[in-house]
Protein backbone atom coordinates (compact mmCIF):
# COMPACT_ATOMS: atom_id res chain seq x y z
CA UNK A 1 -16.74 0.78 42.17
CA UNK A 2 -17.62 -0.39 38.63
CA UNK A 3 -19.39 0.94 35.53
CA UNK A 4 -22.79 -0.40 36.59
CA UNK A 5 -22.56 1.18 40.05
CA UNK A 6 -21.29 4.51 38.66
CA UNK A 7 -24.06 4.71 36.08
CA UNK A 8 -26.72 3.87 38.67
CA UNK A 9 -25.45 6.70 40.85
CA UNK A 10 -25.74 9.05 37.88
CA UNK A 11 -29.35 8.00 37.22
CA UNK A 12 -30.21 8.33 40.93
CA UNK A 13 -28.80 11.86 40.90
CA UNK A 14 -31.83 12.89 38.79
CA UNK A 15 -29.77 14.29 35.92
CA UNK A 16 -32.03 14.68 32.86
CA UNK A 17 -29.38 14.14 30.16
CA UNK A 18 -26.42 11.73 30.19
CA UNK A 19 -24.05 11.39 27.26
CA UNK A 20 -21.52 8.63 26.59
CA UNK A 21 -18.70 8.96 24.06
CA UNK A 22 -17.33 5.54 23.13
CA UNK A 23 -16.61 3.27 20.19
CA UNK A 24 -17.70 0.25 22.25
CA UNK A 25 -21.37 0.61 21.37
CA UNK A 26 -22.40 -2.96 22.13
CA UNK A 27 -20.72 -2.91 25.54
CA UNK A 28 -22.41 0.42 26.37
CA UNK A 29 -25.85 -0.88 25.33
CA UNK A 30 -25.42 -3.99 27.49
CA UNK A 31 -24.41 -1.78 30.42
CA UNK A 32 -27.49 0.42 30.05
CA UNK A 33 -29.72 -2.66 29.76
CA UNK A 34 -28.23 -4.01 32.96
CA UNK A 35 -28.76 -0.75 34.84
CA UNK A 36 -32.33 -0.24 33.63
CA UNK A 37 -33.24 -3.73 34.90
CA UNK A 38 -31.53 -3.06 38.25
CA UNK A 39 -33.41 0.23 38.64
CA UNK A 40 -36.68 -1.39 37.49
CA UNK A 41 -37.32 1.49 35.11
CA UNK A 42 -38.71 1.08 31.56
CA UNK A 43 -36.02 1.41 28.91
CA UNK A 44 -36.18 2.33 25.23
CA UNK A 45 -33.65 2.59 22.42
CA UNK A 46 -33.80 4.86 19.35
CA UNK A 47 -31.80 4.62 16.12
CA UNK A 48 -32.42 6.26 12.78
CA UNK A 49 -32.85 2.82 11.18
CA UNK A 50 -35.17 1.14 13.70
CA UNK A 51 -36.94 4.01 15.39
CA UNK A 52 -37.98 3.64 19.04
CA UNK A 53 -37.90 0.07 20.38
CA UNK A 54 -38.20 -1.54 23.79
CA UNK A 55 -34.69 -1.82 25.22
CA UNK A 56 -35.18 -5.23 26.80
CA UNK A 57 -37.27 -7.04 24.16
CA UNK A 58 -36.38 -5.13 20.97
CA UNK A 59 -40.08 -4.64 20.20
CA UNK A 60 -40.76 -1.70 17.86
CA UNK A 61 -43.18 0.78 19.43
CA UNK A 62 -44.11 2.61 16.25
CA UNK A 63 -42.55 2.51 12.79
CA UNK A 64 -43.18 6.25 12.33
CA UNK A 65 -40.87 7.08 15.24
CA UNK A 66 -37.79 6.80 13.00
CA UNK A 67 -38.04 10.56 12.38
CA UNK A 68 -36.19 12.44 15.17
CA UNK A 69 -38.96 15.04 15.60
CA UNK A 70 -41.65 12.38 15.95
CA UNK A 71 -39.52 10.31 18.34
CA UNK A 72 -38.73 13.29 20.58
CA UNK A 73 -42.33 14.46 20.54
CA UNK A 74 -43.40 10.93 21.59
CA UNK A 75 -40.88 10.96 24.45
CA UNK A 76 -42.02 14.43 25.53
CA UNK A 77 -45.68 13.37 25.61
CA UNK A 78 -45.09 10.02 27.33
CA UNK A 79 -46.66 9.87 30.77
CA UNK A 80 -44.49 7.08 32.21
CA UNK A 81 -40.95 7.51 33.57
CA UNK A 82 -38.23 5.80 31.58
CA UNK A 83 -34.69 5.68 30.23
CA UNK A 84 -34.41 6.68 26.57
CA UNK A 85 -31.19 5.66 24.83
CA UNK A 86 -30.58 7.75 21.68
CA UNK A 87 -27.83 6.20 19.56
CA UNK A 88 -25.87 8.31 17.06
CA UNK A 89 -28.15 11.28 17.49
CA UNK A 90 -25.29 13.79 17.10
CA UNK A 91 -25.95 14.66 13.38
CA UNK A 92 -29.45 15.87 14.31
CA UNK A 93 -28.32 18.39 16.91
CA UNK A 94 -27.90 21.09 14.29
CA UNK A 95 -31.68 21.41 14.07
CA UNK A 96 -33.01 24.00 16.60
CA UNK A 97 -36.37 22.17 16.75
CA UNK A 98 -34.62 18.99 17.94
CA UNK A 99 -32.62 20.93 20.54
CA UNK A 100 -35.75 22.68 21.82
CA UNK A 101 -37.61 19.37 22.16
CA UNK A 102 -34.66 17.89 24.06
CA UNK A 103 -34.61 20.88 26.39
CA UNK A 104 -38.38 20.57 26.96
CA UNK A 105 -37.89 16.93 27.99
CA UNK A 106 -35.03 17.90 30.31
CA UNK A 107 -37.10 20.64 31.94
CA UNK A 108 -39.90 18.13 32.67
CA UNK A 109 -37.54 15.70 34.40
CA UNK A 110 -38.47 16.50 38.00
CA UNK A 111 -42.10 15.59 37.28
CA UNK A 112 -41.75 12.98 34.51
CA UNK A 113 -38.53 11.15 35.58
CA UNK A 114 -37.55 10.63 31.93
CA UNK A 115 -33.79 10.39 31.40
CA UNK A 116 -32.18 10.85 27.97
CA UNK A 117 -28.95 8.93 27.29
CA UNK A 118 -26.96 9.88 24.19
CA UNK A 119 -24.54 7.24 22.90
CA UNK A 120 -22.09 8.05 20.10
CA UNK A 121 -18.42 7.81 19.14
CA UNK A 122 -18.29 11.62 19.35
CA UNK A 123 -20.75 13.97 20.99
CA UNK A 124 -20.75 17.74 21.49
CA UNK A 125 -23.47 18.65 23.94
CA UNK A 126 -25.43 21.75 22.77
CA UNK A 127 -25.06 24.84 24.94
CA UNK A 128 -28.80 24.76 25.68
CA UNK A 129 -28.46 21.33 27.35
CA UNK A 130 -25.17 21.73 29.23
CA UNK A 131 -26.84 22.85 32.47
CA UNK A 132 -28.96 19.67 32.51
CA UNK A 133 -26.37 17.11 31.43
CA UNK A 134 -23.50 14.96 32.67
CA UNK A 135 -20.85 12.96 30.86
CA UNK A 136 -20.32 9.29 31.68
CA UNK A 137 -17.10 7.48 30.80
CA UNK A 138 -16.89 3.72 30.83
CA UNK A 139 -13.87 2.43 32.71
CA UNK A 140 -11.05 0.93 30.70
CA UNK A 141 -10.05 -2.62 31.68
CA UNK A 142 -7.56 -2.80 34.57
CA UNK A 143 -4.68 -5.26 34.75
CA UNK A 144 -6.73 -8.25 36.03
CA UNK A 145 -9.31 -7.65 33.28
CA UNK A 146 -6.56 -7.45 30.64
CA UNK A 147 -5.01 -10.68 31.94
CA UNK A 148 -8.41 -12.36 31.73
CA UNK A 149 -8.80 -11.28 28.08
CA UNK A 150 -5.30 -12.53 27.24
CA UNK A 151 -6.04 -15.89 28.91
CA UNK A 152 -9.35 -16.17 27.04
CA UNK A 153 -7.53 -15.45 23.78
CA UNK A 154 -4.92 -18.10 24.60
CA UNK A 155 -7.69 -20.62 25.40
CA UNK A 156 -9.38 -19.83 22.11
CA UNK A 157 -6.13 -20.45 20.21
CA UNK A 158 -5.62 -23.69 22.12
CA UNK A 159 -9.12 -24.96 21.26
CA UNK A 160 -8.46 -24.33 17.57
CA UNK A 161 -5.10 -26.15 17.66
CA UNK A 162 -5.90 -29.56 19.13
CA UNK A 163 -5.50 -28.40 22.72
CA UNK A 164 -1.86 -27.25 22.33
CA UNK A 165 -0.89 -24.64 24.90
CA UNK A 166 0.28 -21.15 24.00
CA UNK A 167 3.99 -20.77 24.72
CA UNK A 168 4.57 -17.72 26.87
CA UNK A 169 7.78 -16.06 28.03
CA UNK A 170 7.00 -14.77 31.53
CA UNK A 171 8.74 -11.42 31.08
CA UNK A 172 7.23 -10.90 27.61
CA UNK A 173 3.78 -11.74 29.01
CA UNK A 174 4.13 -9.06 31.72
CA UNK A 175 5.30 -6.48 29.17
CA UNK A 176 2.41 -7.38 26.86
CA UNK A 177 -0.18 -7.00 29.62
CA UNK A 178 1.30 -3.66 30.72
CA UNK A 179 1.39 -2.35 27.15
CA UNK A 180 -2.27 -3.23 26.61
CA UNK A 181 -3.34 -0.83 29.36
CA UNK A 182 -5.29 2.26 28.37
CA UNK A 183 -7.24 0.49 25.62
CA UNK A 184 -10.87 -0.57 25.42
CA UNK A 185 -11.80 -4.20 26.00
CA UNK A 186 -12.41 -4.68 22.28
CA UNK A 187 -8.99 -3.26 21.36
CA UNK A 188 -7.25 -5.32 24.06
CA UNK A 189 -8.83 -8.46 22.62
CA UNK A 190 -7.86 -7.45 19.08
CA UNK A 191 -4.19 -6.88 19.97
CA UNK A 192 -4.04 -10.03 22.11
CA UNK A 193 -5.26 -11.92 19.05
CA UNK A 194 -2.53 -10.29 16.99
CA UNK A 195 0.18 -11.32 19.45
CA UNK A 196 -1.00 -14.90 20.01
CA UNK A 197 -2.56 -16.06 16.75
CA UNK A 198 0.51 -15.29 14.62
CA UNK A 199 2.57 -18.13 16.06
CA UNK A 200 0.83 -19.46 19.18
CA UNK A 201 3.34 -17.80 21.48
CA UNK A 202 3.89 -14.66 23.53
CA UNK A 203 7.49 -13.56 23.01
CA UNK A 204 9.54 -10.37 23.11
CA UNK A 205 9.28 -10.13 19.32
CA UNK A 206 5.53 -9.55 19.73
CA UNK A 207 5.95 -6.35 21.75
CA UNK A 208 7.03 -3.96 18.92
CA UNK A 209 4.13 -5.21 16.76
CA UNK A 210 1.66 -4.64 19.59
CA UNK A 211 3.05 -1.16 20.30
CA UNK A 212 2.79 -0.21 16.64
CA UNK A 213 -0.79 -1.51 16.45
CA UNK A 214 -1.68 0.28 19.69
CA UNK A 215 -0.33 3.54 18.30
CA UNK A 216 -2.32 3.09 15.08
CA UNK A 217 -5.50 2.61 17.12
CA UNK A 218 -4.88 5.79 19.11
CA UNK A 219 -3.60 8.15 16.42
CA UNK A 220 -6.67 8.84 14.34
CA UNK A 221 -5.91 12.44 13.36
CA UNK A 222 -2.26 12.32 12.25
CA UNK A 223 -1.15 14.74 14.97
CA UNK A 224 1.03 12.22 16.78
CA UNK A 225 3.68 10.37 14.81
CA UNK A 226 5.24 7.17 16.06
CA UNK A 227 8.97 7.38 15.33
CA UNK A 228 10.14 3.85 14.63
CA UNK A 229 13.79 4.83 14.22
CA UNK A 230 15.45 6.20 17.35
CA UNK A 231 19.10 7.08 17.87
CA UNK A 232 21.99 6.26 20.16
CA UNK A 233 24.02 8.97 21.84
CA UNK A 234 27.11 7.14 20.59
CA UNK A 235 26.01 8.13 17.06
CA UNK A 236 25.78 11.81 18.02
CA UNK A 237 28.70 14.05 18.81
CA UNK A 238 28.70 16.01 22.07
CA UNK A 239 25.79 16.31 24.53
CA UNK A 240 27.92 15.17 27.48
CA UNK A 241 25.98 17.13 30.13
CA UNK A 242 22.62 16.02 28.74
CA UNK A 243 23.73 12.38 28.72
CA UNK A 244 24.82 12.57 32.37
CA UNK A 245 21.57 14.31 33.35
CA UNK A 246 19.49 11.58 31.70
CA UNK A 247 21.55 8.80 33.28
CA UNK A 248 20.85 10.19 36.77
CA UNK A 249 17.11 10.36 36.16
CA UNK A 250 16.51 7.17 34.19
CA UNK A 251 15.90 5.00 37.24
CA UNK A 252 13.46 7.52 38.75
CA UNK A 253 11.53 7.57 35.48
CA UNK A 254 11.56 3.82 34.90
CA UNK A 255 10.67 2.83 38.46
CA UNK A 256 8.04 4.35 40.70
CA UNK A 257 9.68 6.14 43.62
CA UNK A 258 8.10 7.65 46.70
CA UNK A 259 11.23 9.73 47.35
CA UNK A 260 12.17 11.16 43.96
CA UNK A 261 9.92 13.24 41.72
CA UNK A 262 9.34 11.70 38.32
CA UNK A 263 11.23 13.63 35.60
CA UNK A 264 8.89 15.76 33.46
CA UNK A 265 11.09 16.70 30.53
CA UNK A 266 13.60 19.12 29.05
CA UNK A 267 13.70 22.02 26.63
CA UNK A 268 16.52 21.91 24.09
CA UNK A 269 17.23 25.41 22.89
CA UNK A 270 19.95 26.14 20.40
CA UNK A 271 21.39 26.87 17.01
CA UNK A 272 19.75 25.23 14.03
CA UNK A 273 21.38 22.06 12.80
CA UNK A 274 23.24 21.27 16.02
CA UNK A 275 21.46 17.99 16.79
CA UNK A 276 18.45 18.87 18.93
CA UNK A 277 16.15 16.53 17.01
CA UNK A 278 18.73 13.74 17.10
CA UNK A 279 19.04 14.22 20.86
CA UNK A 280 15.27 13.86 21.26
CA UNK A 281 15.42 10.58 19.37
CA UNK A 282 18.38 9.45 21.45
CA UNK A 283 16.51 9.96 24.74
CA UNK A 284 13.93 7.38 23.61
CA UNK A 285 16.63 5.09 22.24
CA UNK A 286 18.74 5.14 25.42
CA UNK A 287 15.75 4.71 27.75
CA UNK A 288 14.25 2.00 25.52
CA UNK A 289 10.76 3.55 25.28
CA UNK A 290 8.56 4.64 22.35
CA UNK A 291 9.12 8.02 20.74
CA UNK A 292 6.06 10.08 19.78
CA UNK A 293 6.50 13.24 17.72
CA UNK A 294 3.78 15.77 18.46
CA UNK A 295 2.99 17.91 15.41
CA UNK A 296 1.56 20.97 17.16
CA UNK A 297 0.98 22.80 13.89
CA UNK A 298 -1.31 20.05 12.57
CA UNK A 299 -3.43 20.33 15.71
CA UNK A 300 -4.90 23.73 14.81
CA UNK A 301 -8.39 23.74 13.34
CA UNK A 302 -10.43 26.67 12.05
CA UNK A 303 -13.58 25.54 13.86
CA UNK A 304 -14.14 26.88 17.36
CA UNK A 305 -13.15 24.41 20.07
CA UNK A 306 -11.71 21.79 17.71
CA UNK A 307 -8.08 22.78 18.36
CA UNK A 308 -8.57 22.38 22.11
CA UNK A 309 -10.27 19.01 21.53
CA UNK A 310 -7.35 17.89 19.33
CA UNK A 311 -4.88 18.87 22.07
CA UNK A 312 -6.87 17.05 24.75
CA UNK A 313 -7.20 13.86 22.71
CA UNK A 314 -3.54 13.93 21.66
CA UNK A 315 -2.30 14.28 25.23
CA UNK A 316 -4.67 11.49 26.31
CA UNK A 317 -3.18 9.28 23.58
CA UNK A 318 0.34 10.08 24.82
CA UNK A 319 -0.70 9.10 28.35
CA UNK A 320 -2.05 5.79 27.07
CA UNK A 321 1.26 5.12 25.26
CA UNK A 322 3.24 5.75 28.48
CA UNK A 323 6.04 5.19 29.21
CA UNK A 324 7.13 7.23 26.22
CA UNK A 325 9.04 10.30 25.07
CA UNK A 326 6.83 13.07 23.68
CA UNK A 327 8.92 15.08 21.26
CA UNK A 328 7.58 18.57 20.42
CA UNK A 329 9.78 19.93 17.63
CA UNK A 330 10.15 23.70 17.14
CA UNK A 331 7.60 24.36 19.85
CA UNK A 332 7.87 28.14 19.51
CA UNK A 333 6.29 28.11 16.04
CA UNK A 334 3.04 26.61 17.30
CA UNK A 335 2.78 28.44 20.62
CA UNK A 336 3.74 31.97 19.67
CA UNK A 337 0.84 34.24 20.63
CA UNK A 338 -1.14 35.89 17.86
CA UNK A 339 -4.04 38.32 17.90
CA UNK A 340 -5.39 36.87 14.65
CA UNK A 341 -6.49 33.48 16.02
CA UNK A 342 -9.08 34.71 18.56
CA UNK A 343 -6.95 33.63 21.49
CA UNK A 344 -6.61 29.98 20.39
CA UNK A 345 -2.82 29.98 20.84
CA UNK A 346 -3.15 31.34 24.38
CA UNK A 347 -5.76 28.72 25.28
CA UNK A 348 -3.62 25.95 23.82
CA UNK A 349 -0.59 27.20 25.76
CA UNK A 350 -2.61 27.37 28.98
CA UNK A 351 -3.98 23.85 28.51
CA UNK A 352 -0.55 22.45 27.66
CA UNK A 353 1.11 24.10 30.68
CA UNK A 354 -1.65 22.81 32.99
CA UNK A 355 -1.20 19.29 31.65
CA UNK A 356 2.59 19.51 32.04
CA UNK A 357 2.16 20.55 35.67
CA UNK A 358 -0.48 17.94 36.57
CA UNK A 359 0.51 14.94 34.45
CA UNK A 360 1.40 11.92 36.60
CA UNK A 361 1.91 9.47 33.73
CA UNK A 362 5.34 8.47 32.44
CA UNK A 363 5.38 10.87 29.52
CA UNK A 364 8.79 12.56 29.23
CA UNK A 365 8.68 15.74 27.14
CA UNK A 366 11.56 16.77 24.92
CA UNK A 367 10.74 20.15 23.39
CA UNK A 368 13.10 21.78 20.91
CA UNK A 369 13.31 25.45 19.93
CA UNK A 370 15.49 27.70 17.80
CA UNK A 371 14.11 31.19 18.53
CA UNK A 372 14.09 32.24 22.17
CA UNK A 373 12.26 35.50 21.37
CA UNK A 374 9.25 33.56 20.04
CA UNK A 375 9.01 31.30 23.09
CA UNK A 376 6.24 32.15 25.58
CA UNK A 377 7.80 33.28 28.89
CA UNK A 378 5.48 30.89 30.78
CA UNK A 379 7.14 27.91 29.09
CA UNK A 380 10.71 29.01 29.80
CA UNK A 381 10.04 29.55 33.52
CA UNK A 382 11.64 26.88 35.73
CA UNK A 383 9.18 24.32 37.01
CA UNK A 384 7.34 23.74 33.74
CA UNK A 385 10.14 21.44 32.61
CA UNK A 386 13.02 20.08 34.64
CA UNK A 387 15.82 21.80 32.76
CA UNK A 388 16.66 24.00 29.78
CA UNK A 389 19.71 22.85 27.86
CA UNK A 390 21.48 25.04 25.32
CA UNK A 391 22.79 23.23 22.26
CA UNK A 392 25.66 25.36 21.00
CA UNK A 393 27.84 25.05 17.93
CA UNK A 394 30.17 22.06 18.38
CA UNK A 395 33.65 22.61 19.81
CA UNK A 396 36.85 21.19 18.30
CA UNK A 397 36.57 17.78 19.96
CA UNK A 398 32.89 17.42 19.06
CA UNK A 399 33.53 18.46 15.45
CA UNK A 400 36.16 15.73 15.15
CA UNK A 401 33.65 13.23 16.53
CA UNK A 402 30.96 14.39 14.08
CA UNK A 403 33.33 14.03 11.10
CA UNK A 404 34.21 10.48 12.22
CA UNK A 405 30.56 9.50 12.71
CA UNK A 406 29.44 10.67 9.26
CA UNK A 407 32.45 9.19 7.48
CA UNK A 408 31.80 5.80 9.12
CA UNK A 409 28.11 5.98 8.19
CA UNK A 410 29.24 6.15 4.57
CA UNK A 411 31.76 3.32 4.84
CA UNK A 412 34.77 5.65 4.93
CA UNK A 413 37.52 4.91 7.47
CA UNK A 414 38.36 8.09 9.45
CA UNK A 415 41.97 6.86 9.80
CA UNK A 416 42.53 7.83 6.17
CA UNK A 417 41.64 11.46 6.79
CA UNK A 418 43.19 14.37 8.66
CA UNK A 419 40.22 14.73 11.02
CA UNK A 420 41.95 17.33 13.20
CA UNK A 421 42.58 19.56 10.18
CA UNK A 422 38.98 19.23 8.99
CA UNK A 423 37.60 20.01 12.46
CA UNK A 424 39.84 23.07 12.78
CA UNK A 425 38.77 24.43 9.40
CA UNK A 426 35.10 23.71 10.23
CA UNK A 427 35.02 26.07 13.20
CA UNK A 428 31.56 27.69 13.34
CA UNK A 429 29.91 24.83 11.44
CA UNK A 430 26.94 22.99 12.90
CA UNK A 431 26.65 19.21 12.98
CA UNK A 432 24.17 19.24 10.09
CA UNK A 433 26.50 21.44 8.02
CA UNK A 434 29.42 19.08 8.67
CA UNK A 435 27.29 16.15 7.52
CA UNK A 436 26.41 17.97 4.31
CA UNK A 437 30.10 18.72 3.74
CA UNK A 438 30.84 15.00 3.80
CA UNK A 439 27.87 14.26 1.51
CA UNK A 440 28.84 16.96 -1.02
CA UNK A 441 32.48 15.89 -1.03
CA UNK A 442 31.44 12.29 -1.70
CA UNK A 443 29.31 13.40 -4.65
CA UNK A 444 32.23 15.37 -6.12
CA UNK A 445 34.64 12.47 -5.64
CA UNK A 446 32.15 10.04 -7.19
CA UNK A 447 31.64 12.34 -10.19
CA UNK A 448 35.43 12.47 -10.72
CA UNK A 449 35.61 8.68 -10.24
CA UNK A 450 38.07 9.16 -7.41
CA UNK A 451 38.10 7.99 -3.78
CA UNK A 452 37.15 10.55 -1.12
CA UNK A 453 40.19 12.42 0.18
CA UNK A 454 41.00 15.44 2.34
CA UNK A 455 41.19 17.53 -0.85
CA UNK A 456 37.51 17.15 -1.60
CA UNK A 457 36.52 17.85 2.00
CA UNK A 458 38.68 20.98 2.20
CA UNK A 459 37.29 22.20 -1.14
CA UNK A 460 33.72 21.91 0.16
CA UNK A 461 34.70 23.62 3.41
CA UNK A 462 36.14 26.61 1.59
CA UNK A 463 33.02 27.02 -0.58
CA UNK A 464 30.56 26.89 2.32
CA UNK A 465 29.40 29.81 4.47
CA UNK A 466 27.96 28.37 7.68
CA UNK A 467 24.84 29.69 9.39
CA UNK A 468 27.01 31.16 12.15
CA UNK A 469 28.39 33.58 9.52
CA UNK A 470 25.22 34.19 7.51
CA UNK A 471 23.09 34.85 10.62
CA UNK A 472 25.87 35.96 12.97
CA UNK A 473 23.93 38.66 14.86
CA UNK A 474 20.96 36.42 15.63
CA UNK A 475 23.10 33.51 16.76
CA UNK A 476 25.32 35.77 18.89
CA UNK A 477 22.20 37.10 20.64
CA UNK A 478 20.93 33.57 21.28
CA UNK A 479 24.27 32.42 22.71
CA UNK A 480 24.52 35.49 24.94
CA UNK A 481 20.97 34.99 26.26
CA UNK A 482 21.60 31.32 26.97
CA UNK A 483 24.96 31.82 28.71
CA UNK A 484 23.35 32.90 32.01
CA UNK A 485 19.97 31.17 31.80
CA UNK A 486 20.55 27.63 30.57
CA UNK A 487 22.75 24.58 31.09
CA UNK A 488 25.18 23.74 28.27
CA UNK A 489 24.18 20.44 26.64
CA UNK A 490 27.83 19.62 26.05
């Protein structure tokens, strides 16, 4: 089964209207030309600059047919069957006269055998035409097709460099080919050029550049953010249970298994500032896969249907970037139901939950949340994600580890400090609050032109009221709720 065969089947199904959304316009035009010759049906192409021309010979039928109304009227009155390719017609669909003419042509199809094909980078089919239309998607290149493009690119480089061969590391070549999946032929060729033409070689150093370029091609709306800096669990205090859980499932995620279910993801629920975001970054860092941050709030659009489209396109982009970690930070803020958005939040939640249940691609979700009361019950239910971990305030041992980590990050040797004393006094402090203690103490010491000592750290500790004190009731409720319903992260 290929694009030509699939499109022929669509034409033979006697569907009046076919629409194709793609940025590969030239490839789509060539495909339609090929099919119209194979079906032995007359073919015509319309653009706002050239009007209606013969599809095979590019002969203009009538210069006046540049105007959409005149072109559609001509098609409606034509007595011969034919395929009419309308390119970038989407701006003209706001005119009810155009829509009515299109519907008239569709209604005549059984007798006239005239098929309309819309081709555009983006196309919203009018409600009046939905009952008479079908969407056609061109297949993306599979692995053999990608390998062919890479070889052609290598041959092109060789011909421009006195016949010298492209140097290729076998493992890097396989990774490159795999990472080019999910892109159009044109984009595959563009990224293969980027990898090969820089230095005439395919090496491991090319992979991050290709991944970054691939992300930039896919993320056109700023809803997904490629996080270049990930973390290591060794740089984060605590999370022992989460680390062990991830270690057990890494092999099942990295390698296809007919026995084990592929891990879907986790929800990290907990107190603010206790390292949930750092843990999300660490999952990607430990597993060695890209980290995508999904800004759910930026996805919402005031126009009807646009939010759902943004969600669909964003999840498709995540699938193309697979294997990857999809980090949804503070998920409760974007999915909390509201009566003021005409049900958009509920539709988004439903679509997201359906995708989470049906997704077969290697997209591991790490969702974080602070407020359990704002989380939709459907999301918390077991089965949506593999596990819910509760990230509590750090215990004594973890607080000591956090102090050591942040002192080392600032070129201070923990040996010179009474870490046990600091950790004891910092009971009830979150990891983020401990970090700020170290930062503030360093500022004070620097102002006094003195080295950092325990005195400055203790002084900052005594002046700070942690969140566990300021919002005691709310945090106590959260900890009580989580004690019987979640797995401790540490």
